[in-house]
PDB file of N, CA and C in Angstrom:
ATOM      1  N   MET A   1      -1.102 -99.507  58.299  1.00  0.00           N
ATOM      2  CA  MET A   1      -1.336 -98.460  59.184  1.00  0.00           C
ATOM      3  C   MET A   1      -1.224 -98.951  60.597  1.00  0.00           C
ATOM      4  N   SER A   2      -0.729 -98.060  61.254  1.00  0.00           N
ATOM      5  CA  SER A   2      -0.543 -98.529  62.613  1.00  0.00           C
ATOM      6  C   SER A   2      -1.730 -98.052  63.432  1.00  0.00           C
ATOM      7  N   SER A   3      -2.102 -98.824  64.277  1.00  0.00           N
ATOM      8  CA  SER A   3      -3.228 -98.417  65.108  1.00  0.00           C
ATOM      9  C   SER A   3      -2.692 -97.973  66.475  1.00  0.00           C
ATOM     10  N   VAL A   4      -2.397 -96.723  66.473  1.00  0.00           N
ATOM     11  CA  VAL A   4      -1.891 -96.120  67.702  1.00  0.00           C
ATOM     12  C   VAL A   4      -3.044 -95.319  68.313  1.00  0.00           C
ATOM     13  N   GLN A   5      -3.273 -95.663  69.445  1.00  0.00           N
ATOM     14  CA  GLN A   5      -4.349 -94.925  70.113  1.00  0.00           C
ATOM     15  C   GLN A   5      -3.743 -93.703  70.801  1.00  0.00           C
ATOM     16  N   SER A   6      -4.441 -92.637  70.620  1.00  0.00           N
ATOM     17  CA  SER A   6      -3.943 -91.429  71.272  1.00  0.00           C
ATOM     18  C   SER A   6      -4.538 -91.362  72.685  1.00  0.00           C
ATOM     19  N   ALA A   7      -3.751 -90.802  73.517  1.00  0.00           N
ATOM     20  CA  ALA A   7      -4.184 -90.709  74.919  1.00  0.00           C
ATOM     21  C   ALA A   7      -5.321 -89.687  75.016  1.00  0.00           C
ATOM     22  N   PRO A   8      -6.285 -89.963  75.876  1.00  0.00           N
ATOM     23  CA  PRO A   8      -7.379 -88.987  75.991  1.00  0.00           C
ATOM     24  C   PRO A   8      -6.832 -87.670  76.539  1.00  0.00           C
ATOM     25  N   ALA A   9      -7.412 -86.592  76.081  1.00  0.00           N
ATOM     26  CA  ALA A   9      -6.947 -85.253  76.496  1.00  0.00           C
ATOM     27  C   ALA A   9      -7.242 -85.044  77.971  1.00  0.00           C
ATOM     28  N   ARG A  10      -6.225 -84.595  78.660  1.00  0.00           N
ATOM     29  CA  ARG A  10      -6.393 -84.359  80.097  1.00  0.00           C
ATOM     30  C   ARG A  10      -6.893 -82.933  80.308  1.00  0.00           C
ATOM     31  N   PRO A  11      -7.829 -82.786  81.167  1.00  0.00           N
ATOM     32  CA  PRO A  11      -8.272 -81.411  81.423  1.00  0.00           C
ATOM     33  C   PRO A  11      -7.162 -80.643  82.127  1.00  0.00           C
ATOM     34  N   ARG A  12      -7.147 -79.342  81.880  1.00  0.00           N
ATOM     35  CA  ARG A  12      -6.121 -78.521  82.512  1.00  0.00           C
ATOM     36  C   ARG A  12      -6.308 -78.565  84.017  1.00  0.00           C
ATOM     37  N   SER A  13      -5.233 -78.714  84.639  1.00  0.00           N
ATOM     38  CA  SER A  13      -5.338 -78.803  86.099  1.00  0.00           C
ATOM     39  C   SER A  13      -5.284 -77.398  86.701  1.00  0.00           C
ATOM     40  N   ARG A  14      -6.028 -77.225  87.757  1.00  0.00           N
ATOM     41  CA  ARG A  14      -6.027 -75.967  88.489  1.00  0.00           C
ATOM     42  C   ARG A  14      -4.827 -75.927  89.402  1.00  0.00           C
ATOM     43  N   PRO A  15      -4.369 -74.741  89.716  1.00  0.00           N
ATOM     44  CA  PRO A  15      -3.263 -74.714  90.673  1.00  0.00           C
ATOM     45  C   PRO A  15      -3.779 -75.226  92.017  1.00  0.00           C
ATOM     46  N   ARG A  16      -2.945 -75.888  92.662  1.00  0.00           N
ATOM     47  CA  ARG A  16      -3.358 -76.496  93.920  1.00  0.00           C
ATOM     48  C   ARG A  16      -3.539 -75.421  94.987  1.00  0.00           C
ATOM     49  N   THR A  17      -4.583 -75.574  95.741  1.00  0.00           N
ATOM     50  CA  THR A  17      -4.812 -74.683  96.864  1.00  0.00           C
ATOM     51  C   THR A  17      -4.583 -75.461  98.135  1.00  0.00           C
ATOM     52  N   ARG A  18      -4.268 -74.722  99.165  1.00  0.00           N
ATOM     53  CA  ARG A  18      -4.037 -75.392 100.423  1.00  0.00           C
ATOM     54  C   ARG A  18      -5.358 -75.838 101.012  1.00  0.00           C
ATOM     55  N   PRO A  19      -5.323 -76.908 101.691  1.00  0.00           N
ATOM     56  CA  PRO A  19      -6.550 -77.321 102.384  1.00  0.00           C
ATOM     57  C   PRO A  19      -6.841 -76.328 103.508  1.00  0.00           C
ATOM     58  N   ALA A  20      -8.072 -76.297 103.977  1.00  0.00           N
ATOM     59  CA  ALA A  20      -8.500 -75.347 104.990  1.00  0.00           C
ATOM     60  C   ALA A  20      -7.689 -75.492 106.265  1.00  0.00           C
ATOM     61  N   SER A  21      -7.341 -76.705 106.614  1.00  0.00           N
ATOM     62  CA  SER A  21      -6.583 -76.886 107.848  1.00  0.00           C
ATOM     63  C   SER A  21      -5.165 -76.344 107.688  1.00  0.00           C
ATOM     64  N   ALA A  22      -4.609 -76.433 106.513  1.00  0.00           N
ATOM     65  CA  ALA A  22      -3.265 -75.917 106.285  1.00  0.00           C
ATOM     66  C   ALA A  22      -3.297 -74.391 106.265  1.00  0.00           C
ATOM     67  N   ALA A  23      -4.366 -73.799 105.722  1.00  0.00           N
ATOM     68  CA  ALA A  23      -4.471 -72.340 105.669  1.00  0.00           C
ATOM     69  C   ALA A  23      -4.622 -71.771 107.073  1.00  0.00           C
ATOM     70  N   ALA A  24      -5.296 -72.485 107.940  1.00  0.00           N
ATOM     71  CA  ALA A  24      -5.491 -71.992 109.298  1.00  0.00           C
ATOM     72  C   ALA A  24      -4.189 -72.023 110.077  1.00  0.00           C
ATOM     73  N   SER A  25      -3.342 -72.987 109.802  1.00  0.00           N
ATOM     74  CA  SER A  25      -2.103 -73.080 110.555  1.00  0.00           C
ATOM     75  C   SER A  25      -0.999 -72.222 109.945  1.00  0.00           C
ATOM     76  N   ALA A  26      -1.227 -71.704 108.733  1.00  0.00           N
ATOM     77  CA  ALA A  26      -0.218 -70.869 108.081  1.00  0.00           C
ATOM     78  C   ALA A  26      -0.193 -69.496 108.741  1.00  0.00           C
ATOM     79  N   PRO A  27       0.936 -68.780 108.626  1.00  0.00           N
ATOM     80  CA  PRO A  27       0.979 -67.431 109.197  1.00  0.00           C
ATOM     81  C   PRO A  27      -0.097 -66.551 108.563  1.00  0.00           C
ATOM     82  N   VAL A  28      -0.548 -65.552 109.331  1.00  0.00           N
ATOM     83  CA  VAL A  28      -1.644 -64.701 108.866  1.00  0.00           C
ATOM     84  C   VAL A  28      -1.161 -63.869 107.694  1.00  0.00           C
ATOM     85  N   ALA A  29      -1.893 -63.965 106.612  1.00  0.00           N
ATOM     86  CA  ALA A  29      -1.536 -63.201 105.421  1.00  0.00           C
ATOM     87  C   ALA A  29      -2.150 -61.811 105.533  1.00  0.00           C
ATOM     88  N   ARG A  30      -1.599 -60.871 104.819  1.00  0.00           N
ATOM     89  CA  ARG A  30      -2.135 -59.516 104.834  1.00  0.00           C
ATOM     90  C   ARG A  30      -3.517 -59.518 104.203  1.00  0.00           C
ATOM     91  N   THR A  31      -4.411 -58.829 104.858  1.00  0.00           N
ATOM     92  CA  THR A  31      -5.763 -58.775 104.313  1.00  0.00           C
ATOM     93  C   THR A  31      -5.835 -57.668 103.279  1.00  0.00           C
ATOM     94  N   ARG A  32      -6.715 -57.820 102.393  1.00  0.00           N
ATOM     95  CA  ARG A  32      -6.884 -56.808 101.368  1.00  0.00           C
ATOM     96  C   ARG A  32      -7.672 -55.646 101.940  1.00  0.00           C
ATOM     97  N   VAL A  33      -7.443 -54.465 101.406  1.00  0.00           N
ATOM     98  CA  VAL A  33      -8.153 -53.271 101.853  1.00  0.00           C
ATOM     99  C   VAL A  33      -9.554 -53.323 101.262  1.00  0.00           C
ATOM    100  N   ARG A  34     -10.536 -53.148 102.135  1.00  0.00           N
ATOM    101  CA  ARG A  34     -11.922 -53.128 101.676  1.00  0.00           C
ATOM    102  C   ARG A  34     -12.280 -51.678 101.375  1.00  0.00           C
ATOM    103  N   TRP A  35     -12.096 -51.295 100.127  1.00  0.00           N
ATOM    104  CA  TRP A  35     -12.263 -49.897  99.743  1.00  0.00           C
ATOM    105  C   TRP A  35     -13.685 -49.415  99.948  1.00  0.00           C
ATOM    106  N   ASP A  36     -14.672 -50.284  99.807  1.00  0.00           N
ATOM    107  CA  ASP A  36     -16.050 -49.850 100.012  1.00  0.00           C
ATOM    108  C   ASP A  36     -16.275 -49.474 101.477  1.00  0.00           C
ATOM    109  N   ARG A  37     -15.736 -50.242 102.400  1.00  0.00           N
ATOM    110  CA  ARG A  37     -15.882 -49.927 103.825  1.00  0.00           C
ATOM    111  C   ARG A  37     -15.055 -48.695 104.191  1.00  0.00           C
ATOM    112  N   LEU A  38     -13.868 -48.610 103.646  1.00  0.00           N
ATOM    113  CA  LEU A  38     -13.019 -47.453 103.912  1.00  0.00           C
ATOM    114  C   LEU A  38     -13.675 -46.180 103.395  1.00  0.00           C
ATOM    115  N   GLY A  39     -14.293 -46.267 102.244  1.00  0.00           N
ATOM    116  CA  GLY A  39     -14.997 -45.115 101.678  1.00  0.00           C
ATOM    117  C   GLY A  39     -16.138 -44.673 102.568  1.00  0.00           C
ATOM    118  N   ARG A  40     -16.872 -45.628 103.125  1.00  0.00           N
ATOM    119  CA  ARG A  40     -17.975 -45.295 104.027  1.00  0.00           C
ATOM    120  C   ARG A  40     -17.456 -44.611 105.288  1.00  0.00           C
ATOM    121  N   VAL A  41     -16.352 -45.113 105.817  1.00  0.00           N
ATOM    122  CA  VAL A  41     -15.784 -44.516 107.025  1.00  0.00           C
ATOM    123  C   VAL A  41     -15.308 -43.094 106.729  1.00  0.00           C
ATOM    124  N   VAL A  42     -14.656 -42.898 105.604  1.00  0.00           N
ATOM    125  CA  VAL A  42     -14.175 -41.567 105.236  1.00  0.00           C
ATOM    126  C   VAL A  42     -15.357 -40.618 105.050  1.00  0.00           C
ATOM    127  N   MET A  43     -16.423 -41.076 104.407  1.00  0.00           N
ATOM    128  CA  MET A  43     -17.597 -40.233 104.225  1.00  0.00           C
ATOM    129  C   MET A  43     -18.232 -39.885 105.575  1.00  0.00           C
ATOM    130  N   LEU A  44     -18.250 -40.825 106.504  1.00  0.00           N
ATOM    131  CA  LEU A  44     -18.788 -40.555 107.835  1.00  0.00           C
ATOM    132  C   LEU A  44     -17.948 -39.514 108.564  1.00  0.00           C
ATOM    133  N   VAL A  45     -16.635 -39.613 108.440  1.00  0.00           N
ATOM    134  CA  VAL A  45     -15.751 -38.627 109.078  1.00  0.00           C
ATOM    135  C   VAL A  45     -15.969 -37.245 108.456  1.00  0.00           C
ATOM    136  N   VAL A  46     -16.081 -37.185 107.155  1.00  0.00           N
ATOM    137  CA  VAL A  46     -16.312 -35.904 106.475  1.00  0.00           C
ATOM    138  C   VAL A  46     -17.659 -35.317 106.902  1.00  0.00           C
ATOM    139  N   LEU A  47     -18.682 -36.157 107.031  1.00  0.00           N
ATOM    140  CA  LEU A  47     -19.988 -35.698 107.487  1.00  0.00           C
ATOM    141  C   LEU A  47     -19.901 -35.131 108.893  1.00  0.00           C
ATOM    142  N   CYS A  48     -19.175 -35.797 109.775  1.00  0.00           N
ATOM    143  CA  CYS A  48     -19.013 -35.303 111.146  1.00  0.00           C
ATOM    144  C   CYS A  48     -18.283 -33.957 111.166  1.00  0.00           C
ATOM    145  N   VAL A  49     -17.273 -33.805 110.339  1.00  0.00           N
ATOM    146  CA  VAL A  49     -16.541 -32.536 110.273  1.00  0.00           C
ATOM    147  C   VAL A  49     -17.463 -31.429 109.762  1.00  0.00           C
ATOM    148  N   LEU A  50     -18.258 -31.713 108.747  1.00  0.00           N
ATOM    149  CA  LEU A  50     -19.183 -30.707 108.224  1.00  0.00           C
ATOM    150  C   LEU A  50     -20.220 -30.319 109.272  1.00  0.00           C
ATOM    151  N   LEU A  51     -20.752 -31.293 109.993  1.00  0.00           N
ATOM    152  CA  LEU A  51     -21.710 -30.983 111.055  1.00  0.00           C
ATOM    153  C   LEU A  51     -21.067 -30.116 112.126  1.00  0.00           C
ATOM    154  N   TYR A  52     -19.839 -30.402 112.493  1.00  0.00           N
ATOM    155  CA  TYR A  52     -19.128 -29.608 113.489  1.00  0.00           C
ATOM    156  C   TYR A  52     -18.949 -28.163 113.003  1.00  0.00           C
ATOM    157  N   LEU A  53     -18.669 -28.004 111.712  1.00  0.00           N
ATOM    158  CA  LEU A  53     -18.471 -26.665 111.162  1.00  0.00           C
ATOM    159  C   LEU A  53     -19.779 -25.876 111.100  1.00  0.00           C
ATOM    160  N   TYR A  54     -20.921 -26.567 111.009  1.00  0.00           N
ATOM    161  CA  TYR A  54     -22.209 -25.892 110.954  1.00  0.00           C
ATOM    162  C   TYR A  54     -22.748 -25.550 112.338  1.00  0.00           C
ATOM    163  N   ILE A  55     -22.239 -26.148 113.398  1.00  0.00           N
ATOM    164  CA  ILE A  55     -22.789 -25.941 114.738  1.00  0.00           C
ATOM    165  C   ILE A  55     -22.638 -24.490 115.178  1.00  0.00           C
ATOM    166  N   SER A  56     -21.473 -23.919 115.040  1.00  0.00           N
ATOM    167  CA  SER A  56     -21.230 -22.552 115.523  1.00  0.00           C
ATOM    168  C   SER A  56     -22.101 -21.520 114.804  1.00  0.00           C
ATOM    169  N   PRO A  57     -22.189 -21.523 113.483  1.00  0.00           N
ATOM    170  CA  PRO A  57     -23.061 -20.538 112.828  1.00  0.00           C
ATOM    171  C   PRO A  57     -24.534 -20.717 113.194  1.00  0.00           C
ATOM    172  N   VAL A  58     -24.967 -21.951 113.365  1.00  0.00           N
ATOM    173  CA  VAL A  58     -26.373 -22.180 113.713  1.00  0.00           C
ATOM    174  C   VAL A  58     -26.645 -21.660 115.126  1.00  0.00           C
ATOM    175  N   ARG A  59     -25.702 -21.896 116.055  1.00  0.00           N
ATOM    176  CA  ARG A  59     -25.879 -21.388 117.417  1.00  0.00           C
ATOM    177  C   ARG A  59     -25.931 -19.866 117.424  1.00  0.00           C
ATOM    178  N   SER A  60     -25.059 -19.228 116.646  1.00  0.00           N
ATOM    179  CA  SER A  60     -25.073 -17.760 116.619  1.00  0.00           C
ATOM    180  C   SER A  60     -26.354 -17.243 115.955  1.00  0.00           C
ATOM    181  N   LEU A  61     -26.875 -17.950 114.974  1.00  0.00           N
ATOM    182  CA  LEU A  61     -28.128 -17.549 114.341  1.00  0.00           C
ATOM    183  C   LEU A  61     -29.279 -17.643 115.328  1.00  0.00           C
ATOM    184  N   VAL A  62     -29.344 -18.734 116.084  1.00  0.00           N
ATOM    185  CA  VAL A  62     -30.404 -18.891 117.079  1.00  0.00           C
ATOM    186  C   VAL A  62     -30.281 -17.805 118.144  1.00  0.00           C
ATOM    187  N   GLY A  63     -29.060 -17.510 118.575  1.00  0.00           N
ATOM    188  CA  GLY A  63     -28.849 -16.439 119.547  1.00  0.00           C
ATOM    189  C   GLY A  63     -29.283 -15.086 119.005  1.00  0.00           C
ATOM    190  N   ALA A  64     -28.992 -14.831 117.735  1.00  0.00           N
ATOM    191  CA  ALA A  64     -29.377 -13.550 117.127  1.00  0.00           C
ATOM    192  C   ALA A  64     -30.893 -13.432 117.027  1.00  0.00           C
ATOM    193  N   VAL A  65     -31.563 -14.522 116.708  1.00  0.00           N
ATOM    194  CA  VAL A  65     -33.023 -14.482 116.605  1.00  0.00           C
ATOM    195  C   VAL A  65     -33.644 -14.202 117.969  1.00  0.00           C
ATOM    196  N   SER A  66     -33.144 -14.879 119.015  1.00  0.00           N
ATOM    197  CA  SER A  66     -33.706 -14.652 120.342  1.00  0.00           C
ATOM    198  C   SER A  66     -33.381 -13.236 120.833  1.00  0.00           C
ATOM    199  N   GLU A  67     -32.189 -12.749 120.551  1.00  0.00           N
ATOM    200  CA  GLU A  67     -31.819 -11.380 120.926  1.00  0.00           C
ATOM    201  C   GLU A  67     -32.707 -10.373 120.195  1.00  0.00           C
ATOM    202  N   SER A  68     -33.025 -10.654 118.947  1.00  0.00           N
ATOM    203  CA  SER A  68     -33.904  -9.772 118.177  1.00  0.00           C
ATOM    204  C   SER A  68     -35.286  -9.719 118.811  1.00  0.00           C
ATOM    205  N   GLY A  69     -35.792 -10.859 119.260  1.00  0.00           N
ATOM    206  CA  GLY A  69     -37.099 -10.889 119.924  1.00  0.00           C
ATOM    207  C   GLY A  69     -37.099 -10.084 121.207  1.00  0.00           C
ATOM    208  N   ARG A  70     -36.022 -10.208 121.998  1.00  0.00           N
ATOM    209  CA  ARG A  70     -35.926  -9.430 123.241  1.00  0.00           C
ATOM    210  C   ARG A  70     -35.862  -7.939 122.937  1.00  0.00           C
ATOM    211  N   ARG A  71     -35.104  -7.581 121.932  1.00  0.00           N
ATOM    212  CA  ARG A  71     -34.982  -6.155 121.588  1.00  0.00           C
ATOM    213  C   ARG A  71     -36.312  -5.592 121.082  1.00  0.00           C
ATOM    214  N   GLN A  72     -37.060  -6.384 120.329  1.00  0.00           N
ATOM    215  CA  GLN A  72     -38.364  -5.923 119.857  1.00  0.00           C
ATOM    216  C   GLN A  72     -39.310  -5.712 121.037  1.00  0.00           C
ATOM    217  N   ALA A  73     -39.255  -6.599 122.027  1.00  0.00           N
ATOM    218  CA  ALA A  73     -40.088  -6.427 123.222  1.00  0.00           C
ATOM    219  C   ALA A  73     -39.674  -5.169 123.978  1.00  0.00           C
ATOM    220  N   ASP A  74     -38.371  -4.904 124.061  1.00  0.00           N
ATOM    221  CA  ASP A  74     -37.884  -3.688 124.725  1.00  0.00           C
ATOM    222  C   ASP A  74     -38.364  -2.440 123.989  1.00  0.00           C
ATOM    223  N   VAL A  75     -38.308  -2.472 122.673  1.00  0.00           N
ATOM    224  CA  VAL A  75     -38.750  -1.320 121.875  1.00  0.00           C
ATOM    225  C   VAL A  75     -40.243  -1.084 122.084  1.00  0.00           C
ATOM    226  N   ALA A  76     -41.037  -2.155 122.116  1.00  0.00           N
ATOM    227  CA  ALA A  76     -42.485  -1.997 122.328  1.00  0.00           C
ATOM    228  C   ALA A  76     -42.759  -1.404 123.704  1.00  0.00           C
ATOM    229  N   SER A  77     -42.046  -1.879 124.729  1.00  0.00           N
ATOM    230  CA  SER A  77     -42.225  -1.359 126.082  1.00  0.00           C
ATOM    231  C   SER A  77     -41.831   0.114 126.154  1.00  0.00           C
ATOM    232  N   LEU A  78     -40.714   0.470 125.551  1.00  0.00           N
ATOM    233  CA  LEU A  78     -40.277   1.862 125.561  1.00  0.00           C
ATOM    234  C   LEU A  78     -41.223   2.766 124.766  1.00  0.00           C
ATOM    235  N   THR A  79     -41.811   2.247 123.719  1.00  0.00           N
ATOM    236  CA  THR A  79     -42.780   3.024 122.942  1.00  0.00           C
ATOM    237  C   THR A  79     -44.019   3.319 123.782  1.00  0.00           C
ATOM    238  N   ARG A  80     -44.518   2.308 124.527  1.00  0.00           N
ATOM    239  CA  ARG A  80     -45.668   2.530 125.402  1.00  0.00           C
ATOM    240  C   ARG A  80     -45.341   3.568 126.479  1.00  0.00           C
ATOM    241  N   THR A  81     -44.162   3.434 127.079  1.00  0.00           N
ATOM    242  CA  THR A  81     -43.748   4.390 128.107  1.00  0.00           C
ATOM    243  C   THR A  81     -43.646   5.796 127.530  1.00  0.00           C
ATOM    244  N   ASN A  82     -43.118   5.908 126.344  1.00  0.00           N
ATOM    245  CA  ASN A  82     -42.989   7.210 125.689  1.00  0.00           C
ATOM    246  C   ASN A  82     -44.364   7.833 125.456  1.00  0.00           C
ATOM    247  N   LEU A  83     -45.315   7.034 125.001  1.00  0.00           N
ATOM    248  CA  LEU A  83     -46.661   7.564 124.764  1.00  0.00           C
ATOM    249  C   LEU A  83     -47.294   8.025 126.075  1.00  0.00           C
ATOM    250  N   GLN A  84     -47.112   7.260 127.157  1.00  0.00           N
ATOM    251  CA  GLN A  84     -47.667   7.661 128.460  1.00  0.00           C
ATOM    252  C   GLN A  84     -47.040   8.974 128.942  1.00  0.00           C
ATOM    253  N   LEU A  85     -45.743   9.083 128.791  1.00  0.00           N
ATOM    254  CA  LEU A  85     -45.067  10.298 129.242  1.00  0.00           C
ATOM    255  C   LEU A  85     -45.471  11.516 128.416  1.00  0.00           C
ATOM    256  N   ARG A  86     -45.671  11.341 127.124  1.00  0.00           N
ATOM    257  CA  ARG A  86     -46.136  12.449 126.282  1.00  0.00           C
ATOM    258  C   ARG A  86     -47.532  12.906 126.703  1.00  0.00           C
ATOM    259  N   ALA A  87     -48.406  11.911 126.999  1.00  0.00           N
ATOM    260  CA  ALA A  87     -49.763  12.266 127.442  1.00  0.00           C
ATOM    261  C   ALA A  87     -49.710  12.993 128.782  1.00  0.00           C
ATOM    262  N   GLU A  88     -48.851  12.533 129.690  1.00  0.00           N
ATOM    263  CA  GLU A  88     -48.709  13.194 130.985  1.00  0.00           C
ATOM    264  C   GLU A  88     -48.151  14.609 130.824  1.00  0.00           C
ATOM    265  N   ARG A  89     -47.203  14.784 129.936  1.00  0.00           N
ATOM    266  CA  ARG A  89     -46.644  16.122 129.690  1.00  0.00           C
ATOM    267  C   ARG A  89     -47.710  17.056 129.126  1.00  0.00           C
ATOM    268  N   ALA A  90     -48.524  16.534 128.212  1.00  0.00           N
ATOM    269  CA  ALA A  90     -49.589  17.362 127.637  1.00  0.00           C
ATOM    270  C   ALA A  90     -50.606  17.729 128.711  1.00  0.00           C
ATOM    271  N   ALA A  91     -50.906  16.781 129.631  1.00  0.00           N
ATOM    272  CA  ALA A  91     -51.863  17.077 130.693  1.00  0.00           C
ATOM    273  C   ALA A  91     -51.295  18.087 131.675  1.00  0.00           C
ATOM    274  N   LEU A  92     -50.018  17.994 131.975  1.00  0.00           N
ATOM    275  CA  LEU A  92     -49.404  18.926 132.927  1.00  0.00           C
ATOM    276  C   LEU A  92     -49.225  20.318 132.347  1.00  0.00           C
ATOM    277  N   ALA A  93     -49.282  20.444 131.063  1.00  0.00           N
ATOM    278  CA  ALA A  93     -49.070  21.751 130.424  1.00  0.00           C
ATOM    279  C   ALA A  93     -50.312  22.632 130.476  1.00  0.00           C
ATOM    280  N   THR A  94     -51.457  22.073 130.817  1.00  0.00           N
ATOM    281  CA  THR A  94     -52.681  22.891 130.860  1.00  0.00           C
ATOM    282  C   THR A  94     -52.692  23.730 132.138  1.00  0.00           C
ATOM    283  N   PRO A  95     -53.239  24.944 132.083  1.00  0.00           N
ATOM    284  CA  PRO A  95     -53.278  25.819 133.271  1.00  0.00           C
ATOM    285  C   PRO A  95     -54.102  25.244 134.418  1.00  0.00           C
ATOM    286  N   SER A  96     -55.179  24.558 134.120  1.00  0.00           N
ATOM    287  CA  SER A  96     -56.013  24.011 135.200  1.00  0.00           C
ATOM    288  C   SER A  96     -55.262  22.949 136.005  1.00  0.00           C
ATOM    289  N   THR A  97     -54.467  22.154 135.333  1.00  0.00           N
ATOM    290  CA  THR A  97     -53.685  21.127 136.038  1.00  0.00           C
ATOM    291  C   THR A  97     -52.631  21.786 136.911  1.00  0.00           C
ATOM    292  N   ARG A  98     -52.003  22.818 136.410  1.00  0.00           N
ATOM    293  CA  ARG A  98     -51.001  23.528 137.219  1.00  0.00           C
ATOM    294  C   ARG A  98     -51.632  24.136 138.474  1.00  0.00           C
ATOM    295  N   GLU A  99     -52.789  24.732 138.295  1.00  0.00           N
ATOM    296  CA  GLU A  99     -53.456  25.346 139.446  1.00  0.00           C
ATOM    297  C   GLU A  99     -53.868  24.288 140.469  1.00  0.00           C
ATOM    298  N   ARG A 100     -54.418  23.175 140.004  1.00  0.00           N
ATOM    299  CA  ARG A 100     -54.829  22.100 140.913  1.00  0.00           C
ATOM    300  C   ARG A 100     -53.639  21.582 141.704  1.00  0.00           C
ATOM    301  N   ASP A 101     -52.507  21.330 141.006  1.00  0.00           N
ATOM    302  CA  ASP A 101     -51.314  20.831 141.694  1.00  0.00           C
ATOM    303  C   ASP A 101     -50.779  21.856 142.699  1.00  0.00           C
ATOM    304  N   ALA A 102     -50.841  23.149 142.366  1.00  0.00           N
ATOM    305  CA  ALA A 102     -50.379  24.193 143.286  1.00  0.00           C
ATOM    306  C   ALA A 102     -51.272  24.250 144.515  1.00  0.00           C
ATOM    307  N   ARG A 103     -52.574  24.141 144.337  1.00  0.00           N
ATOM    308  CA  ARG A 103     -53.511  24.169 145.474  1.00  0.00           C
ATOM    309  C   ARG A 103     -53.309  22.939 146.359  1.00  0.00           C
ATOM    310  N   ASN A 104     -52.993  21.756 145.738  1.00  0.00           N
ATOM    311  CA  ASN A 104     -52.711  20.552 146.545  1.00  0.00           C
ATOM    312  C   ASN A 104     -51.461  20.758 147.400  1.00  0.00           C
ATOM    313  N   LEU A 105     -50.558  21.577 146.941  1.00  0.00           N
ATOM    314  CA  LEU A 105     -49.351  21.873 147.721  1.00  0.00           C
ATOM    315  C   LEU A 105     -49.591  22.951 148.787  1.00  0.00           C
ATOM    316  N   GLY A 106     -50.787  23.545 148.791  1.00  0.00           N
ATOM    317  CA  GLY A 106     -51.106  24.567 149.795  1.00  0.00           C
ATOM    318  C   GLY A 106     -50.790  25.978 149.357  1.00  0.00           C
ATOM    319  N   LEU A 107     -50.563  26.200 148.101  1.00  0.00           N
ATOM    320  CA  LEU A 107     -50.270  27.543 147.604  1.00  0.00           C
ATOM    321  C   LEU A 107     -51.572  28.288 147.329  1.00  0.00           C
ATOM    322  N   VAL A 108     -51.529  29.624 147.451  1.00  0.00           N
ATOM    323  CA  VAL A 108     -52.690  30.460 147.160  1.00  0.00           C
ATOM    324  C   VAL A 108     -52.270  31.570 146.221  1.00  0.00           C
ATOM    325  N   ARG A 109     -53.240  32.136 145.531  1.00  0.00           N
ATOM    326  CA  ARG A 109     -52.958  33.258 144.634  1.00  0.00           C
ATOM    327  C   ARG A 109     -52.744  34.522 145.486  1.00  0.00           C
ATOM    328  N   PRO A 110     -52.030  35.423 144.895  1.00  0.00           N
ATOM    329  CA  PRO A 110     -51.867  36.698 145.625  1.00  0.00           C
ATOM    330  C   PRO A 110     -53.239  37.352 145.872  1.00  0.00           C
ATOM    331  N   GLY A 111     -53.462  37.798 147.090  1.00  0.00           N
ATOM    332  CA  GLY A 111     -54.725  38.463 147.457  1.00  0.00           C
ATOM    333  C   GLY A 111     -55.740  37.500 148.035  1.00  0.00           C
ATOM    334  N   GLU A 112     -55.563  36.195 147.965  1.00  0.00           N
ATOM    335  CA  GLU A 112     -56.497  35.235 148.525  1.00  0.00           C
ATOM    336  C   GLU A 112     -56.125  34.978 149.984  1.00  0.00           C
ATOM    337  N   LYS A 113     -57.161  34.591 150.794  1.00  0.00           N
ATOM    338  CA  LYS A 113     -56.930  34.238 152.184  1.00  0.00           C
ATOM    339  C   LYS A 113     -57.066  32.729 152.313  1.00  0.00           C
ATOM    340  N   PRO A 114     -56.054  32.092 152.852  1.00  0.00           N
ATOM    341  CA  PRO A 114     -56.157  30.632 152.999  1.00  0.00           C
ATOM    342  C   PRO A 114     -56.969  30.272 154.239  1.00  0.00           C
ATOM    343  N   PHE A 115     -57.783  29.250 154.128  1.00  0.00           N
ATOM    344  CA  PHE A 115     -58.552  28.720 155.247  1.00  0.00           C
ATOM    345  C   PHE A 115     -58.206  27.236 155.383  1.00  0.00           C
ATOM    346  N   VAL A 116     -58.154  26.769 156.613  1.00  0.00           N
ATOM    347  CA  VAL A 116     -57.918  25.352 156.891  1.00  0.00           C
ATOM    348  C   VAL A 116     -59.169  24.822 157.562  1.00  0.00           C
ATOM    349  N   VAL A 117     -59.776  23.810 157.009  1.00  0.00           N
ATOM    350  CA  VAL A 117     -60.993  23.220 157.541  1.00  0.00           C
ATOM    351  C   VAL A 117     -60.643  21.824 158.054  1.00  0.00           C
ATOM    352  N   PHE A 118     -60.971  21.552 159.302  1.00  0.00           N
ATOM    353  CA  PHE A 118     -60.710  20.251 159.900  1.00  0.00           C
ATOM    354  C   PHE A 118     -62.006  19.454 159.990  1.00  0.00           C
ATOM    355  N   GLY A 119     -61.879  18.153 160.050  1.00  0.00           N
ATOM    356  CA  GLY A 119     -63.022  17.277 160.282  1.00  0.00           C
ATOM    357  C   GLY A 119     -63.810  16.918 159.041  1.00  0.00           C
ATOM    358  N   LEU A 120     -63.287  17.143 157.863  1.00  0.00           N
ATOM    359  CA  LEU A 120     -63.994  16.756 156.634  1.00  0.00           C
ATOM    360  C   LEU A 120     -63.786  15.258 156.386  1.00  0.00           C
ATOM    361  N   PRO A 121     -64.805  14.620 155.816  1.00  0.00           N
ATOM    362  CA  PRO A 121     -64.629  13.193 155.512  1.00  0.00           C
ATOM    363  C   PRO A 121     -63.587  13.011 154.394  1.00  0.00           C
ATOM    364  N   ALA A 122     -62.813  11.942 154.497  1.00  0.00           N
ATOM    365  CA  ALA A 122     -61.774  11.668 153.491  1.00  0.00           C
ATOM    366  C   ALA A 122     -62.424  11.103 152.237  1.00  0.00           C
ATOM    367  N   ASN A 123     -61.892  11.432 151.108  1.00  0.00           N
ATOM    368  CA  ASN A 123     -62.425  10.941 149.816  1.00  0.00           C
ATOM    369  C   ASN A 123     -61.830   9.629 149.484  1.00  0.00           C
TER     370      ASN A 123
END
């Protein structure tokens, strides 16, 4: 028998990589797209577009609410004025009020003699 020694098994060699100094001096290689960062940027842009689309309806809603408040105040004011005018109309419709207002204007009833008195104290 022959005593042939077999060579020890060599580990598989890795492909050679360039040393760091050689990689720095090599032309710039294309960088890979960072999809996670790109996705974040796209989501941020979409969020900004959605916010922009919501601004106009929100502004019109706020304007409508404030306009509604002003109109309610106007209605309340007009209601008070209406009640005052109705009360004044009811007061003016009585005969005694008509007579008092006519006498303040200097009118007299037919057959009455008007007198003017001077020197009375003012009320």
